Amino acid sequence: MEPISVEPLDDELSARIRGGCRPGLMPAAGIKVQPSGCCLPNEYQLYAERLRTFHVRHDDIWCISYPKCGTTWTQEMVWLLENNLDFETAKDKLLLERVPFFEAVSLVTQDFLVKDENEKDIFGDTIAFTHEQPSPRVIKTHLPARLLPLEIWTRKPKLIYVTRDPKDVAISYYHHHRLWNGYSGSYEDFIEGFLQDKLVYSPFWEHIAGYVKLSHLPNVLINSYEDMTNDLAGVIRRTAAFLGREYTESEVARLAEHLKFPSMKKNAAVNGEDFIVDLKEKHGMCKEDPDLSFVRKGKSGGFREAMPQHLIDRFDEWSRTKKIELGIQDLNLSQLT
């Protein structure tokens, strides 16, 4: 067992990013955690031991990614595949209740947590909430492989990891921070923070490499956002086979229709619309801003509309160098199948 250790992120860029976040919402990264070098909020230290010693069940299904890589899409797909395409329950019950966000309690300040004892712990003690779910549990996490609960490696539950082009991730993560962190700092600082691995759950390529290097294991599946965009039915079939589930072509087509972006964006059980409306009102955010939504655009290659060519070139060179350093230079995110 590798011991947990932390060091502060006390550089100027990290301080500016933290300073651009609004008090009372999700904080930016304040520490770098070993093993893995993952950047996390200071609050993580309060829960590190509980997260590492969490009791894993062999029939768990963990949906994993770096943020904004298609985790929400994957959760909805996996939950429905595991629950016999129960669209009625999926419509009536929030995704956050059906698929708990394992470490969410370690990402928020204390005044963000649920205070009402009658409310479910979807924004309270998410570790306990995850523990209490009936089997088979579908669980969301953004933790890197080396910070997962230790029993993952002995009980061997199914792990479904999702990747995405980092240029699209960076743009989506910027708007995510505007909503959930109240980020009002500069776009340039945020993008620089992504490239310098200063954001929560960074470093990006190390996160991906940690799971891609497990892809030979029978309990690990790697999907990509690009594949889900280009061949959603194919990803559904592949994921169903991995889960040991069989569905007819008409059932696959129905699920694909449910998972298409326009449907997901209108789905109140997925998009958290009521909560986000309250969040915007509480913190004085622009209600009409289309980028301040949990399910935003749902397409690949959108970075071309938001990034100048010199920044695209810098991202591509950064990715090429990182993949060589990590021994995953042959990885093509759009051709994982």
C-alpha atoms as a PDB file:
ATOM      1  CA  MET A   1       0.000   0.000   0.000  1.00  0.00           C
ATOM      2  CA  GLU A   2       1.486   3.296  -1.100  1.00  0.00           C
ATOM      3  CA  PRO A   3       1.019   5.930   1.625  1.00  0.00           C
ATOM      4  CA  ILE A   4      -0.864   9.124   0.828  1.00  0.00           C
ATOM      5  CA  SER A   5       1.190  12.304   0.941  1.00  0.00           C
ATOM      6  CA  VAL A   6       0.379  15.845  -0.152  1.00  0.00           C
ATOM      7  CA  GLU A   7       2.253  18.974  -1.102  1.00  0.00           C
ATOM      8  CA  PRO A   8       0.746  22.434  -1.575  1.00  0.00           C
ATOM      9  CA  LEU A   9       0.170  23.952  -4.995  1.00  0.00           C
ATOM     10  CA  ASP A  10       1.662  27.301  -4.085  1.00  0.00           C
ATOM     11  CA  ASP A  11       2.759  28.581  -7.501  1.00  0.00           C
ATOM     12  CA  GLU A  12       1.399  31.868  -8.859  1.00  0.00           C
ATOM     13  CA  LEU A  13      -0.746  30.315 -11.599  1.00  0.00           C
ATOM     14  CA  SER A  14      -2.521  27.974  -9.166  1.00  0.00           C
ATOM     15  CA  ALA A  15      -3.092  30.899  -6.811  1.00  0.00           C
ATOM     16  CA  ARG A  16      -4.642  32.976  -9.596  1.00  0.00           C
ATOM     17  CA  ILE A  17      -6.961  30.136 -10.592  1.00  0.00           C
ATOM     18  CA  ARG A  18      -8.023  29.665  -6.965  1.00  0.00           C
ATOM     19  CA  GLY A  19      -8.526  33.408  -6.642  1.00  0.00           C
ATOM     20  CA  GLY A  20     -10.843  33.359  -9.647  1.00  0.00           C
ATOM     21  CA  CYS A  21     -13.233  30.904  -7.957  1.00  0.00           C
ATOM     22  CA  ARG A  22     -16.186  32.093  -5.910  1.00  0.00           C
ATOM     23  CA  PRO A  23     -16.307  31.254  -2.157  1.00  0.00           C
ATOM     24  CA  GLY A  24     -19.074  28.823  -1.250  1.00  0.00           C
ATOM     25  CA  LEU A  25     -18.834  26.774  -4.436  1.00  0.00           C
ATOM     26  CA  MET A  26     -16.429  24.012  -5.439  1.00  0.00           C
ATOM     27  CA  PRO A  27     -12.824  25.027  -4.692  1.00  0.00           C
ATOM     28  CA  ALA A  28      -9.967  24.804  -7.173  1.00  0.00           C
ATOM     29  CA  ALA A  29      -6.927  22.581  -6.663  1.00  0.00           C
ATOM     30  CA  GLY A  30      -4.862  23.359  -3.579  1.00  0.00           C
ATOM     31  CA  ILE A  31      -2.717  20.241  -3.194  1.00  0.00           C
ATOM     32  CA  LYS A  32      -0.873  17.639  -5.243  1.00  0.00           C
ATOM     33  CA  VAL A  33      -1.495  14.118  -3.936  1.00  0.00           C
ATOM     34  CA  GLN A  34       0.890  11.169  -4.103  1.00  0.00           C
ATOM     35  CA  PRO A  35       0.776   8.504  -5.377  1.00  0.00           C
ATOM     36  CA  SER A  36      -0.303   9.757  -8.822  1.00  0.00           C
ATOM     37  CA  GLY A  37       0.567  13.473  -8.577  1.00  0.00           C
ATOM     38  CA  CYS A  38      -3.153  14.249  -8.830  1.00  0.00           C
ATOM     39  CA  CYS A  39      -4.208  17.832  -8.061  1.00  0.00           C
ATOM     40  CA  LEU A  40      -7.179  18.053  -5.697  1.00  0.00           C
ATOM     41  CA  PRO A  41      -8.856  20.553  -3.365  1.00  0.00           C
ATOM     42  CA  ASN A  42      -7.529  20.783   0.188  1.00  0.00           C
ATOM     43  CA  GLU A  43     -10.762  19.139   1.368  1.00  0.00           C
ATOM     44  CA  TYR A  44      -9.579  15.800  -0.059  1.00  0.00           C
ATOM     45  CA  GLN A  45      -7.304  15.347   2.949  1.00  0.00           C
ATOM     46  CA  LEU A  46     -10.350  15.045   5.231  1.00  0.00           C
ATOM     47  CA  TYR A  47     -11.586  11.975   3.344  1.00  0.00           C
ATOM     48  CA  ALA A  48      -8.467  10.341   1.873  1.00  0.00           C
ATOM     49  CA  GLU A  49      -8.440   7.413   4.296  1.00  0.00           C
ATOM     50  CA  ARG A  50     -12.149   6.642   3.859  1.00  0.00           C
ATOM     51  CA  LEU A  51     -11.817   6.782   0.082  1.00  0.00           C
ATOM     52  CA  ARG A  52      -8.823   4.430   0.050  1.00  0.00           C
ATOM     53  CA  THR A  53     -10.365   1.900   2.471  1.00  0.00           C
ATOM     54  CA  PHE A  54     -13.864   1.950   0.937  1.00  0.00           C
ATOM     55  CA  HIS A  55     -15.439  -1.516   0.715  1.00  0.00           C
ATOM     56  CA  VAL A  56     -15.647  -2.544  -2.946  1.00  0.00           C
ATOM     57  CA  ARG A  57     -18.016  -5.252  -4.185  1.00  0.00           C
ATOM     58  CA  HIS A  58     -17.069  -7.636  -6.974  1.00  0.00           C
ATOM     59  CA  ASP A  59     -20.242  -6.793  -8.918  1.00  0.00           C
ATOM     60  CA  ASP A  60     -19.686  -3.019  -8.828  1.00  0.00           C
ATOM     61  CA  ILE A  61     -19.392  -1.131 -12.115  1.00  0.00           C
ATOM     62  CA  TRP A  62     -17.200   1.960 -11.928  1.00  0.00           C
ATOM     63  CA  CYS A  63     -17.635   4.674 -14.585  1.00  0.00           C
ATOM     64  CA  ILE A  64     -14.380   6.614 -14.666  1.00  0.00           C
ATOM     65  CA  SER A  65     -12.829   9.518 -16.547  1.00  0.00           C
ATOM     66  CA  TYR A  66     -10.979  12.764 -16.270  1.00  0.00           C
ATOM     67  CA  PRO A  67     -13.758  15.391 -15.956  1.00  0.00           C
ATOM     68  CA  LYS A  68     -15.722  16.387 -19.083  1.00  0.00           C
ATOM     69  CA  CYS A  69     -14.797  13.278 -21.061  1.00  0.00           C
ATOM     70  CA  GLY A  70     -18.284  11.774 -21.272  1.00  0.00           C
ATOM     71  CA  THR A  71     -18.829  10.385 -17.784  1.00  0.00           C
ATOM     72  CA  THR A  72     -22.465  11.531 -17.585  1.00  0.00           C
ATOM     73  CA  TRP A  73     -23.202   9.968 -20.970  1.00  0.00           C
ATOM     74  CA  THR A  74     -21.524   6.747 -19.848  1.00  0.00           C
ATOM     75  CA  GLN A  75     -23.342   6.623 -16.513  1.00  0.00           C
ATOM     76  CA  GLU A  76     -26.752   6.892 -18.153  1.00  0.00           C
ATOM     77  CA  MET A  77     -25.847   4.225 -20.718  1.00  0.00           C
ATOM     78  CA  VAL A  78     -24.414   1.793 -18.159  1.00  0.00           C
ATOM     79  CA  TRP A  79     -27.232   2.237 -15.648  1.00  0.00           C
ATOM     80  CA  LEU A  80     -29.841   1.506 -18.314  1.00  0.00           C
ATOM     81  CA  LEU A  81     -27.919  -1.491 -19.663  1.00  0.00           C
ATOM     82  CA  GLU A  82     -27.688  -2.873 -16.121  1.00  0.00           C
ATOM     83  CA  ASN A  83     -31.346  -2.181 -15.344  1.00  0.00           C
ATOM     84  CA  ASN A  84     -33.067  -3.755 -18.337  1.00  0.00           C
ATOM     85  CA  LEU A  85     -33.624  -0.421 -20.090  1.00  0.00           C
ATOM     86  CA  ASP A  86     -35.853   0.888 -17.304  1.00  0.00           C
ATOM     87  CA  PHE A  87     -36.488   4.253 -18.952  1.00  0.00           C
ATOM     88  CA  GLU A  88     -39.286   5.162 -16.539  1.00  0.00           C
ATOM     89  CA  THR A  89     -37.061   5.033 -13.459  1.00  0.00           C
ATOM     90  CA  ALA A  90     -34.286   6.750 -15.390  1.00  0.00           C
ATOM     91  CA  LYS A  91     -36.699   9.586 -16.144  1.00  0.00           C
ATOM     92  CA  ASP A  92     -38.085   9.911 -12.619  1.00  0.00           C
ATOM     93  CA  LYS A  93     -34.914   9.492 -10.536  1.00  0.00           C
ATOM     94  CA  LEU A  94     -31.921  11.814 -10.732  1.00  0.00           C
ATOM     95  CA  LEU A  95     -28.797  10.316 -12.255  1.00  0.00           C
ATOM     96  CA  LEU A  96     -26.869  11.453  -9.162  1.00  0.00           C
ATOM     97  CA  GLU A  97     -29.145   9.234  -7.074  1.00  0.00           C
ATOM     98  CA  ARG A  98     -28.921   6.244  -9.400  1.00  0.00           C
ATOM     99  CA  VAL A  99     -25.151   6.566  -9.900  1.00  0.00           C
ATOM    100  CA  PRO A 100     -23.472   8.148  -6.867  1.00  0.00           C
ATOM    101  CA  PHE A 101     -20.443  10.391  -7.375  1.00  0.00           C
ATOM    102  CA  PHE A 102     -18.107   8.529  -5.018  1.00  0.00           C
ATOM    103  CA  GLU A 103     -15.637  11.218  -3.903  1.00  0.00           C
ATOM    104  CA  ALA A 104     -17.826  14.320  -4.395  1.00  0.00           C
ATOM    105  CA  VAL A 105     -17.818  15.073  -0.656  1.00  0.00           C
ATOM    106  CA  SER A 106     -14.051  15.603  -0.871  1.00  0.00           C
ATOM    107  CA  LEU A 107     -14.403  18.222  -3.612  1.00  0.00           C
ATOM    108  CA  VAL A 108     -16.653  20.751  -1.925  1.00  0.00           C
ATOM    109  CA  THR A 109     -16.430  23.216   0.932  1.00  0.00           C
ATOM    110  CA  GLN A 110     -18.378  22.450   4.085  1.00  0.00           C
ATOM    111  CA  ASP A 111     -21.000  25.137   3.395  1.00  0.00           C
ATOM    112  CA  PHE A 112     -21.808  23.482   0.051  1.00  0.00           C
ATOM    113  CA  LEU A 113     -22.796  20.200   1.717  1.00  0.00           C
ATOM    114  CA  VAL A 114     -26.395  19.133   2.329  1.00  0.00           C
ATOM    115  CA  LYS A 115     -27.600  20.337   5.741  1.00  0.00           C
ATOM    116  CA  ASP A 116     -31.205  19.059   5.696  1.00  0.00           C
ATOM    117  CA  GLU A 117     -31.409  15.582   7.269  1.00  0.00           C
ATOM    118  CA  ASN A 118     -34.384  14.791   5.044  1.00  0.00           C
ATOM    119  CA  GLU A 119     -32.391  15.309   1.842  1.00  0.00           C
ATOM    120  CA  LYS A 120     -30.460  12.503   0.205  1.00  0.00           C
ATOM    121  CA  ASP A 121     -26.682  12.667   0.473  1.00  0.00           C
ATOM    122  CA  ILE A 122     -26.060  13.312  -3.222  1.00  0.00           C
ATOM    123  CA  PHE A 123     -24.325  16.495  -2.062  1.00  0.00           C
ATOM    124  CA  GLY A 124     -23.608  15.293   1.462  1.00  0.00           C
ATOM    125  CA  ASP A 125     -21.571  12.282   2.552  1.00  0.00           C
ATOM    126  CA  THR A 126     -21.258  10.701  -0.881  1.00  0.00           C
ATOM    127  CA  ILE A 127     -18.942   7.973   0.429  1.00  0.00           C
ATOM    128  CA  ALA A 128     -21.636   6.719   2.813  1.00  0.00           C
ATOM    129  CA  PHE A 129     -24.306   7.217   0.139  1.00  0.00           C
ATOM    130  CA  THR A 130     -22.295   5.049  -2.276  1.00  0.00           C
ATOM    131  CA  HIS A 131     -21.783   2.380   0.393  1.00  0.00           C
ATOM    132  CA  GLU A 132     -25.525   2.172   1.066  1.00  0.00           C
ATOM    133  CA  GLN A 133     -26.573   1.522  -2.531  1.00  0.00           C
ATOM    134  CA  PRO A 134     -27.903  -1.961  -3.368  1.00  0.00           C
ATOM    135  CA  SER A 135     -25.918  -4.253  -5.628  1.00  0.00           C
ATOM    136  CA  PRO A 136     -25.031  -4.138  -8.396  1.00  0.00           C
ATOM    137  CA  ARG A 137     -23.877  -0.562  -7.873  1.00  0.00           C
ATOM    138  CA  VAL A 138     -22.980   1.743 -10.746  1.00  0.00           C
ATOM    139  CA  ILE A 139     -20.504   4.286  -9.347  1.00  0.00           C
ATOM    140  CA  LYS A 140     -18.961   7.435 -10.806  1.00  0.00           C
ATOM    141  CA  THR A 141     -15.436   8.593 -10.026  1.00  0.00           C
ATOM    142  CA  HIS A 142     -12.813  10.878 -11.540  1.00  0.00           C
ATOM    143  CA  LEU A 143     -10.002   9.543  -9.354  1.00  0.00           C
ATOM    144  CA  PRO A 144      -6.806   8.367 -11.070  1.00  0.00           C
ATOM    145  CA  ALA A 145      -6.079   4.643 -10.895  1.00  0.00           C
ATOM    146  CA  ARG A 146      -3.547   4.952  -8.068  1.00  0.00           C
ATOM    147  CA  LEU A 147      -6.025   6.737  -5.789  1.00  0.00           C
ATOM    148  CA  LEU A 148      -8.886   4.264  -6.238  1.00  0.00           C
ATOM    149  CA  PRO A 149     -10.011   2.212  -3.231  1.00  0.00           C
ATOM    150  CA  LEU A 150      -7.443  -0.502  -2.575  1.00  0.00           C
ATOM    151  CA  GLU A 151     -10.051  -3.277  -2.804  1.00  0.00           C
ATOM    152  CA  ILE A 152     -10.506  -2.440  -6.508  1.00  0.00           C
ATOM    153  CA  TRP A 153      -7.386  -4.526  -7.169  1.00  0.00           C
ATOM    154  CA  THR A 154      -8.488  -7.584  -5.157  1.00  0.00           C
ATOM    155  CA  ARG A 155     -12.238  -7.683  -5.801  1.00  0.00           C
ATOM    156  CA  LYS A 156     -11.821  -6.739  -9.466  1.00  0.00           C
ATOM    157  CA  PRO A 157     -15.123  -4.977 -10.251  1.00  0.00           C
ATOM    158  CA  LYS A 158     -15.764  -3.777 -13.786  1.00  0.00           C
ATOM    159  CA  LEU A 159     -14.062  -0.488 -14.699  1.00  0.00           C
ATOM    160  CA  ILE A 160     -15.319   1.512 -17.697  1.00  0.00           C
ATOM    161  CA  TYR A 161     -12.994   4.371 -18.579  1.00  0.00           C
ATOM    162  CA  VAL A 162     -13.796   7.156 -21.041  1.00  0.00           C
ATOM    163  CA  THR A 163     -11.289   9.332 -22.912  1.00  0.00           C
ATOM    164  CA  ARG A 164     -11.678  12.492 -24.992  1.00  0.00           C
ATOM    165  CA  ASP A 165      -9.572  14.887 -27.047  1.00  0.00           C
ATOM    166  CA  PRO A 166      -7.945  17.203 -24.473  1.00  0.00           C
ATOM    167  CA  LYS A 167      -8.707  20.307 -26.539  1.00  0.00           C
ATOM    168  CA  ASP A 168     -12.443  19.647 -26.219  1.00  0.00           C
ATOM    169  CA  VAL A 169     -11.965  18.689 -22.570  1.00  0.00           C
ATOM    170  CA  ALA A 170     -10.204  21.960 -21.756  1.00  0.00           C
ATOM    171  CA  ILE A 171     -12.973  24.107 -23.270  1.00  0.00           C
ATOM    172  CA  SER A 172     -15.727  22.128 -21.559  1.00  0.00           C
ATOM    173  CA  TYR A 173     -13.853  22.127 -18.232  1.00  0.00           C
ATOM    174  CA  TYR A 174     -13.476  25.914 -18.435  1.00  0.00           C
ATOM    175  CA  HIS A 175     -17.262  26.362 -18.651  1.00  0.00           C
ATOM    176  CA  HIS A 176     -17.736  23.706 -15.966  1.00  0.00           C
ATOM    177  CA  HIS A 177     -15.557  25.808 -13.653  1.00  0.00           C
ATOM    178  CA  ARG A 178     -17.561  28.922 -14.501  1.00  0.00           C
ATOM    179  CA  LEU A 179     -20.705  27.119 -13.322  1.00  0.00           C
ATOM    180  CA  TRP A 180     -19.601  24.905 -10.431  1.00  0.00           C
ATOM    181  CA  ASN A 181     -16.623  26.919  -9.142  1.00  0.00           C
ATOM    182  CA  GLY A 182     -17.960  30.365 -10.015  1.00  0.00           C
ATOM    183  CA  TYR A 183     -14.729  30.901 -11.934  1.00  0.00           C
ATOM    184  CA  SER A 184     -14.354  34.469 -13.170  1.00  0.00           C
ATOM    185  CA  GLY A 185     -10.621  34.443 -13.806  1.00  0.00           C
ATOM    186  CA  SER A 186      -9.129  34.678 -17.262  1.00  0.00           C
ATOM    187  CA  TYR A 187      -9.638  32.072 -19.960  1.00  0.00           C
ATOM    188  CA  GLU A 188      -5.884  32.257 -20.650  1.00  0.00           C
ATOM    189  CA  ASP A 189      -4.983  31.370 -17.057  1.00  0.00           C
ATOM    190  CA  PHE A 190      -7.395  28.453 -17.076  1.00  0.00           C
ATOM    191  CA  ILE A 191      -6.063  27.001 -20.333  1.00  0.00           C
ATOM    192  CA  GLU A 192      -2.505  27.468 -19.076  1.00  0.00           C
ATOM    193  CA  GLY A 193      -3.533  25.662 -15.900  1.00  0.00           C
ATOM    194  CA  PHE A 194      -4.775  22.752 -18.002  1.00  0.00           C
ATOM    195  CA  LEU A 195      -1.529  22.548 -19.976  1.00  0.00           C
ATOM    196  CA  GLN A 196       0.592  22.859 -16.834  1.00  0.00           C
ATOM    197  CA  ASP A 197      -1.505  20.226 -14.998  1.00  0.00           C
ATOM    198  CA  LYS A 198      -2.697  22.558 -12.233  1.00  0.00           C
ATOM    199  CA  LEU A 199      -6.447  21.805 -12.336  1.00  0.00           C
ATOM    200  CA  VAL A 200      -8.499  19.439 -10.190  1.00  0.00           C
ATOM    201  CA  TYR A 201      -7.834  15.822 -11.321  1.00  0.00           C
ATOM    202  CA  SER A 202      -4.861  16.831 -13.471  1.00  0.00           C
ATOM    203  CA  PRO A 203      -2.416  15.692 -14.813  1.00  0.00           C
ATOM    204  CA  PHE A 204      -4.599  14.834 -17.812  1.00  0.00           C
ATOM    205  CA  TRP A 205      -2.378  12.467 -19.802  1.00  0.00           C
ATOM    206  CA  GLU A 206      -1.121  10.654 -16.698  1.00  0.00           C
ATOM    207  CA  HIS A 207      -4.782  10.095 -15.754  1.00  0.00           C
ATOM    208  CA  ILE A 208      -5.474   8.485 -19.129  1.00  0.00           C
ATOM    209  CA  ALA A 209      -2.241   6.467 -19.172  1.00  0.00           C
ATOM    210  CA  GLY A 210      -3.010   5.004 -15.748  1.00  0.00           C
ATOM    211  CA  TYR A 211      -6.136   3.338 -17.125  1.00  0.00           C
ATOM    212  CA  VAL A 212      -5.080   2.644 -20.711  1.00  0.00           C
ATOM    213  CA  LYS A 213      -2.229   0.553 -19.306  1.00  0.00           C
ATOM    214  CA  LEU A 214      -4.874  -1.608 -17.580  1.00  0.00           C
ATOM    215  CA  SER A 215      -6.833  -2.192 -20.795  1.00  0.00           C
ATOM    216  CA  HIS A 216      -5.482  -5.745 -21.165  1.00  0.00           C
ATOM    217  CA  LEU A 217      -7.375  -6.788 -18.023  1.00  0.00           C
ATOM    218  CA  PRO A 218     -10.712  -8.576 -18.562  1.00  0.00           C
ATOM    219  CA  ASN A 219     -12.529  -6.269 -16.113  1.00  0.00           C
ATOM    220  CA  VAL A 220     -11.439  -3.042 -17.854  1.00  0.00           C
ATOM    221  CA  LEU A 221     -13.114  -1.394 -20.859  1.00  0.00           C
ATOM    222  CA  ILE A 222     -11.886   1.789 -22.561  1.00  0.00           C
ATOM    223  CA  ASN A 223     -14.373   3.866 -24.558  1.00  0.00           C
ATOM    224  CA  SER A 224     -13.897   7.283 -26.133  1.00  0.00           C
ATOM    225  CA  TYR A 225     -16.146  10.315 -26.422  1.00  0.00           C
ATOM    226  CA  GLU A 226     -15.304  10.433 -30.120  1.00  0.00           C
ATOM    227  CA  ASP A 227     -16.514   6.855 -30.643  1.00  0.00           C
ATOM    228  CA  MET A 228     -19.705   7.638 -28.749  1.00  0.00           C
ATOM    229  CA  THR A 229     -20.246  10.641 -30.998  1.00  0.00           C
ATOM    230  CA  ASN A 230     -19.521   8.789 -34.245  1.00  0.00           C
ATOM    231  CA  ASP A 231     -20.963   5.328 -33.507  1.00  0.00           C
ATOM    232  CA  LEU A 232     -23.128   5.407 -30.396  1.00  0.00           C
ATOM    233  CA  ALA A 233     -24.916   2.149 -31.228  1.00  0.00           C
ATOM    234  CA  GLY A 234     -21.553   0.422 -31.653  1.00  0.00           C
ATOM    235  CA  VAL A 235     -20.371   1.640 -28.247  1.00  0.00           C
ATOM    236  CA  ILE A 236     -23.660   0.482 -26.693  1.00  0.00           C
ATOM    237  CA  ARG A 237     -23.206  -3.014 -28.160  1.00  0.00           C
ATOM    238  CA  ARG A 238     -19.582  -3.168 -27.042  1.00  0.00           C
ATOM    239  CA  THR A 239     -20.398  -2.006 -23.531  1.00  0.00           C
ATOM    240  CA  ALA A 240     -23.358  -4.381 -23.233  1.00  0.00           C
ATOM    241  CA  ALA A 241     -21.134  -7.291 -24.248  1.00  0.00           C
ATOM    242  CA  PHE A 242     -18.555  -6.241 -21.638  1.00  0.00           C
ATOM    243  CA  LEU A 243     -21.307  -6.217 -19.000  1.00  0.00           C
ATOM    244  CA  GLY A 244     -22.615  -9.600 -20.130  1.00  0.00           C
ATOM    245  CA  ARG A 245     -25.927  -8.131 -21.292  1.00  0.00           C
ATOM    246  CA  GLU A 246     -27.787  -8.985 -24.495  1.00  0.00           C
ATOM    247  CA  TYR A 247     -30.153  -6.615 -26.265  1.00  0.00           C
ATOM    248  CA  THR A 248     -31.912  -6.718 -29.615  1.00  0.00           C
ATOM    249  CA  GLU A 249     -31.093  -4.258 -32.378  1.00  0.00           C
ATOM    250  CA  SER A 250     -34.368  -2.436 -31.766  1.00  0.00           C
ATOM    251  CA  GLU A 251     -33.522  -2.102 -28.063  1.00  0.00           C
ATOM    252  CA  VAL A 252     -30.053  -0.798 -28.917  1.00  0.00           C
ATOM    253  CA  ALA A 253     -31.638   1.717 -31.297  1.00  0.00           C
ATOM    254  CA  ARG A 254     -34.071   2.866 -28.601  1.00  0.00           C
ATOM    255  CA  LEU A 255     -31.258   3.338 -26.093  1.00  0.00           C
ATOM    256  CA  ALA A 256     -29.179   5.203 -28.673  1.00  0.00           C
ATOM    257  CA  GLU A 257     -32.098   7.561 -29.289  1.00  0.00           C
ATOM    258  CA  HIS A 258     -32.436   8.159 -25.539  1.00  0.00           C
ATOM    259  CA  LEU A 259     -28.705   8.914 -25.294  1.00  0.00           C
ATOM    260  CA  LYS A 260     -28.528  11.333 -28.215  1.00  0.00           C
ATOM    261  CA  PHE A 261     -27.438  14.797 -27.150  1.00  0.00           C
ATOM    262  CA  PRO A 262     -30.774  16.621 -27.710  1.00  0.00           C
ATOM    263  CA  SER A 263     -32.523  14.022 -25.533  1.00  0.00           C
ATOM    264  CA  MET A 264     -29.860  14.184 -22.821  1.00  0.00           C
ATOM    265  CA  LYS A 265     -29.938  17.982 -22.748  1.00  0.00           C
ATOM    266  CA  LYS A 266     -33.734  17.976 -22.240  1.00  0.00           C
ATOM    267  CA  ASN A 267     -33.648  15.146 -19.672  1.00  0.00           C
ATOM    268  CA  ALA A 268     -34.170  16.756 -16.249  1.00  0.00           C
ATOM    269  CA  ALA A 269     -32.995  13.601 -14.453  1.00  0.00           C
ATOM    270  CA  VAL A 270     -29.614  13.953 -16.177  1.00  0.00           C
ATOM    271  CA  ASN A 271     -29.060  17.664 -16.698  1.00  0.00           C
ATOM    272  CA  GLY A 272     -29.696  18.729 -13.076  1.00  0.00           C
ATOM    273  CA  GLU A 273     -31.680  21.694 -14.379  1.00  0.00           C
ATOM    274  CA  ASP A 274     -33.552  22.517 -11.160  1.00  0.00           C
ATOM    275  CA  PHE A 275     -30.389  22.481  -9.070  1.00  0.00           C
ATOM    276  CA  ILE A 276     -28.491  24.566 -11.617  1.00  0.00           C
ATOM    277  CA  VAL A 277     -31.265  27.179 -11.777  1.00  0.00           C
ATOM    278  CA  ASP A 278     -31.035  27.518  -7.979  1.00  0.00           C
ATOM    279  CA  LEU A 279     -27.243  27.665  -8.169  1.00  0.00           C
ATOM    280  CA  LYS A 280     -27.330  30.484 -10.727  1.00  0.00           C
ATOM    281  CA  GLU A 281     -29.866  32.466  -8.706  1.00  0.00           C
ATOM    282  CA  LYS A 282     -27.955  32.040  -5.447  1.00  0.00           C
ATOM    283  CA  HIS A 283     -24.672  33.216  -6.926  1.00  0.00           C
ATOM    284  CA  GLY A 284     -25.950  35.806  -9.394  1.00  0.00           C
ATOM    285  CA  MET A 285     -24.920  33.957 -12.556  1.00  0.00           C
ATOM    286  CA  CYS A 286     -26.394  34.757 -15.962  1.00  0.00           C
ATOM    287  CA  LYS A 287     -29.470  32.552 -16.393  1.00  0.00           C
ATOM    288  CA  GLU A 288     -29.433  32.844 -20.189  1.00  0.00           C
ATOM    289  CA  ASP A 289     -25.774  31.868 -20.735  1.00  0.00           C
ATOM    290  CA  PRO A 290     -25.998  28.604 -22.772  1.00  0.00           C
ATOM    291  CA  ASP A 291     -22.508  27.579 -21.643  1.00  0.00           C
ATOM    292  CA  LEU A 292     -23.558  27.559 -17.980  1.00  0.00           C
ATOM    293  CA  SER A 293     -25.253  24.166 -18.154  1.00  0.00           C
ATOM    294  CA  PHE A 294     -24.233  20.682 -17.087  1.00  0.00           C
ATOM    295  CA  VAL A 295     -24.947  19.133 -20.498  1.00  0.00           C
ATOM    296  CA  ARG A 296     -23.547  21.774 -22.825  1.00  0.00           C
ATOM    297  CA  LYS A 297     -22.864  21.010 -26.525  1.00  0.00           C
ATOM    298  CA  GLY A 298     -22.217  17.294 -26.802  1.00  0.00           C
ATOM    299  CA  LYS A 299     -20.024  17.232 -29.890  1.00  0.00           C
ATOM    300  CA  SER A 300     -16.466  16.413 -30.867  1.00  0.00           C
ATOM    301  CA  GLY A 301     -14.169  19.000 -32.384  1.00  0.00           C
ATOM    302  CA  GLY A 302     -15.957  21.989 -30.874  1.00  0.00           C
ATOM    303  CA  PHE A 303     -12.590  23.347 -29.767  1.00  0.00           C
ATOM    304  CA  ARG A 304     -12.103  24.688 -33.309  1.00  0.00           C
ATOM    305  CA  GLU A 305     -14.723  27.338 -32.563  1.00  0.00           C
ATOM    306  CA  ALA A 306     -13.035  28.429 -29.331  1.00  0.00           C
ATOM    307  CA  MET A 307      -9.280  28.011 -29.866  1.00  0.00           C
ATOM    308  CA  PRO A 308      -6.957  29.967 -32.160  1.00  0.00           C
ATOM    309  CA  GLN A 309      -4.696  27.843 -34.360  1.00  0.00           C
ATOM    310  CA  HIS A 310      -1.548  28.588 -32.358  1.00  0.00           C
ATOM    311  CA  LEU A 311      -3.227  27.174 -29.232  1.00  0.00           C
ATOM    312  CA  ILE A 312      -4.439  24.095 -31.115  1.00  0.00           C
ATOM    313  CA  ASP A 313      -0.859  23.532 -32.295  1.00  0.00           C
ATOM    314  CA  ARG A 314       0.436  23.913 -28.750  1.00  0.00           C
ATOM    315  CA  PHE A 315      -2.078  21.378 -27.421  1.00  0.00           C
ATOM    316  CA  ASP A 316      -1.165  18.906 -30.150  1.00  0.00           C
ATOM    317  CA  GLU A 317       2.563  19.209 -29.451  1.00  0.00           C
ATOM    318  CA  TRP A 318       1.937  18.895 -25.711  1.00  0.00           C
ATOM    319  CA  SER A 319      -0.128  15.739 -26.291  1.00  0.00           C
ATOM    320  CA  ARG A 320       2.478  14.221 -28.603  1.00  0.00           C
ATOM    321  CA  THR A 321       5.271  14.817 -26.076  1.00  0.00           C
ATOM    322  CA  LYS A 322       3.239  13.544 -23.129  1.00  0.00           C
ATOM    323  CA  LYS A 323       2.166  10.360 -24.899  1.00  0.00           C
ATOM    324  CA  ILE A 324       5.767   9.551 -25.792  1.00  0.00           C
ATOM    325  CA  GLU A 325       6.884  10.188 -22.198  1.00  0.00           C
ATOM    326  CA  LEU A 326       4.140   7.899 -20.872  1.00  0.00           C
ATOM    327  CA  GLY A 327       4.607   5.134 -23.443  1.00  0.00           C
ATOM    328  CA  ILE A 328       1.153   5.525 -25.005  1.00  0.00           C
ATOM    329  CA  GLN A 329       2.258   7.205 -28.238  1.00  0.00           C
ATOM    330  CA  ASP A 330       0.184   4.798 -30.349  1.00  0.00           C
ATOM    331  CA  LEU A 331      -3.054   5.693 -28.555  1.00  0.00           C
ATOM    332  CA  ASN A 332      -5.699   7.080 -30.915  1.00  0.00           C
ATOM    333  CA  LEU A 333      -8.640   8.392 -28.917  1.00  0.00           C
ATOM    334  CA  SER A 334     -11.030   8.102 -31.854  1.00  0.00           C
ATOM    335  CA  GLN A 335     -10.153   4.515 -32.730  1.00  0.00           C
ATOM    336  CA  LEU A 336     -10.262   2.639 -29.438  1.00  0.00           C
ATOM    337  CA  THR A 337     -12.622  -0.007 -30.735  1.00  0.00           C
END
